[in-house]
Amino acid sequence: MAEPVNLNRFRKDQARAEKKARANQNAVKFGRNKAEKQLDRSRLENAKRDLDGHQNEP
């Protein structure tokens, strides 16, 4: 005979697994490490500075 299963525990474990899977998908989709964010920020600042340097003064 099989062991009895606590259905509340089963539901909670299943919900945790789904939440963990969703979190992993979001980490892949949106996650960037600190170095990548800093690199993008520095590239944006350089582009702004270069653009401002090319403006004509009236």
C-alpha atoms as a PDB file:
ATOM      1  CA  MET A   1       0.000   0.000   0.000  1.00  0.00           C
ATOM      2  CA  ALA A   2       1.253   3.480  -0.844  1.00  0.00           C
ATOM      3  CA  GLU A   3       2.031   6.147   1.687  1.00  0.00           C
ATOM      4  CA  PRO A   4      -0.707   8.721   2.292  1.00  0.00           C
ATOM      5  CA  VAL A   5      -0.019  12.100   0.685  1.00  0.00           C
ATOM      6  CA  ASN A   6      -0.772  15.389   2.382  1.00  0.00           C
ATOM      7  CA  LEU A   7      -2.622  17.284  -0.343  1.00  0.00           C
ATOM      8  CA  ASN A   8      -1.992  20.693   1.211  1.00  0.00           C
ATOM      9  CA  ARG A   9       1.742  20.052   1.189  1.00  0.00           C
ATOM     10  CA  PHE A  10       1.531  18.779  -2.392  1.00  0.00           C
ATOM     11  CA  ARG A  11      -0.303  21.940  -3.519  1.00  0.00           C
ATOM     12  CA  LYS A  12       2.183  24.199  -1.751  1.00  0.00           C
ATOM     13  CA  ASP A  13       5.159  22.346  -3.226  1.00  0.00           C
ATOM     14  CA  GLN A  14       3.618  22.548  -6.681  1.00  0.00           C
ATOM     15  CA  ALA A  15       2.970  26.304  -6.291  1.00  0.00           C
ATOM     16  CA  ARG A  16       6.573  26.836  -5.142  1.00  0.00           C
ATOM     17  CA  ALA A  17       7.900  24.936  -8.150  1.00  0.00           C
ATOM     18  CA  GLU A  18       5.786  27.011 -10.554  1.00  0.00           C
ATOM     19  CA  LYS A  19       6.866  30.241  -8.871  1.00  0.00           C
ATOM     20  CA  LYS A  20      10.524  29.187  -9.065  1.00  0.00           C
ATOM     21  CA  ALA A  21      10.171  28.314 -12.770  1.00  0.00           C
ATOM     22  CA  ARG A  22       8.549  31.699 -13.483  1.00  0.00           C
ATOM     23  CA  ALA A  23      11.313  33.471 -11.563  1.00  0.00           C
ATOM     24  CA  ASN A  24      13.964  31.651 -13.585  1.00  0.00           C
ATOM     25  CA  GLN A  25      12.270  32.631 -16.842  1.00  0.00           C
ATOM     26  CA  ASN A  26      12.167  36.273 -15.750  1.00  0.00           C
ATOM     27  CA  ALA A  27      15.813  36.150 -14.706  1.00  0.00           C
ATOM     28  CA  VAL A  28      16.761  34.985 -18.184  1.00  0.00           C
ATOM     29  CA  LYS A  29      14.464  37.485 -19.859  1.00  0.00           C
ATOM     30  CA  PHE A  30      15.203  40.607 -17.807  1.00  0.00           C
ATOM     31  CA  GLY A  31      18.261  39.855 -15.728  1.00  0.00           C
ATOM     32  CA  ARG A  32      21.532  41.595 -16.379  1.00  0.00           C
ATOM     33  CA  ASN A  33      24.502  41.718 -14.093  1.00  0.00           C
ATOM     34  CA  LYS A  34      25.986  44.884 -12.670  1.00  0.00           C
ATOM     35  CA  ALA A  35      28.820  45.035 -15.217  1.00  0.00           C
ATOM     36  CA  GLU A  36      26.406  44.922 -18.164  1.00  0.00           C
ATOM     37  CA  LYS A  37      24.253  47.691 -16.671  1.00  0.00           C
ATOM     38  CA  GLN A  38      27.322  49.838 -16.014  1.00  0.00           C
ATOM     39  CA  LEU A  39      28.611  49.265 -19.556  1.00  0.00           C
ATOM     40  CA  ASP A  40      25.278  50.358 -21.055  1.00  0.00           C
ATOM     41  CA  ARG A  41      25.213  53.421 -18.803  1.00  0.00           C
ATOM     42  CA  SER A  42      28.739  54.453 -19.811  1.00  0.00           C
ATOM     43  CA  ARG A  43      27.962  53.944 -23.517  1.00  0.00           C
ATOM     44  CA  LEU A  44      24.881  56.145 -23.164  1.00  0.00           C
ATOM     45  CA  GLU A  45      26.878  58.870 -21.411  1.00  0.00           C
ATOM     46  CA  ASN A  46      29.546  58.771 -24.132  1.00  0.00           C
ATOM     47  CA  ALA A  47      26.920  59.028 -26.866  1.00  0.00           C
ATOM     48  CA  LYS A  48      25.301  62.010 -25.117  1.00  0.00           C
ATOM     49  CA  ARG A  49      28.640  63.740 -24.709  1.00  0.00           C
ATOM     50  CA  ASP A  50      29.540  63.170 -28.374  1.00  0.00           C
ATOM     51  CA  LEU A  51      26.140  64.447 -29.495  1.00  0.00           C
ATOM     52  CA  ASP A  52      26.468  67.577 -27.363  1.00  0.00           C
ATOM     53  CA  GLY A  53      29.929  68.141 -28.841  1.00  0.00           C
ATOM     54  CA  HIS A  54      28.512  68.187 -32.364  1.00  0.00           C
ATOM     55  CA  GLN A  55      25.853  70.809 -31.660  1.00  0.00           C
ATOM     56  CA  ASN A  56      26.207  74.220 -33.231  1.00  0.00           C
ATOM     57  CA  GLU A  57      26.084  77.185 -30.897  1.00  0.00           C
ATOM     58  CA  PRO A  58      23.660  79.907 -32.077  1.00  0.00           C
END
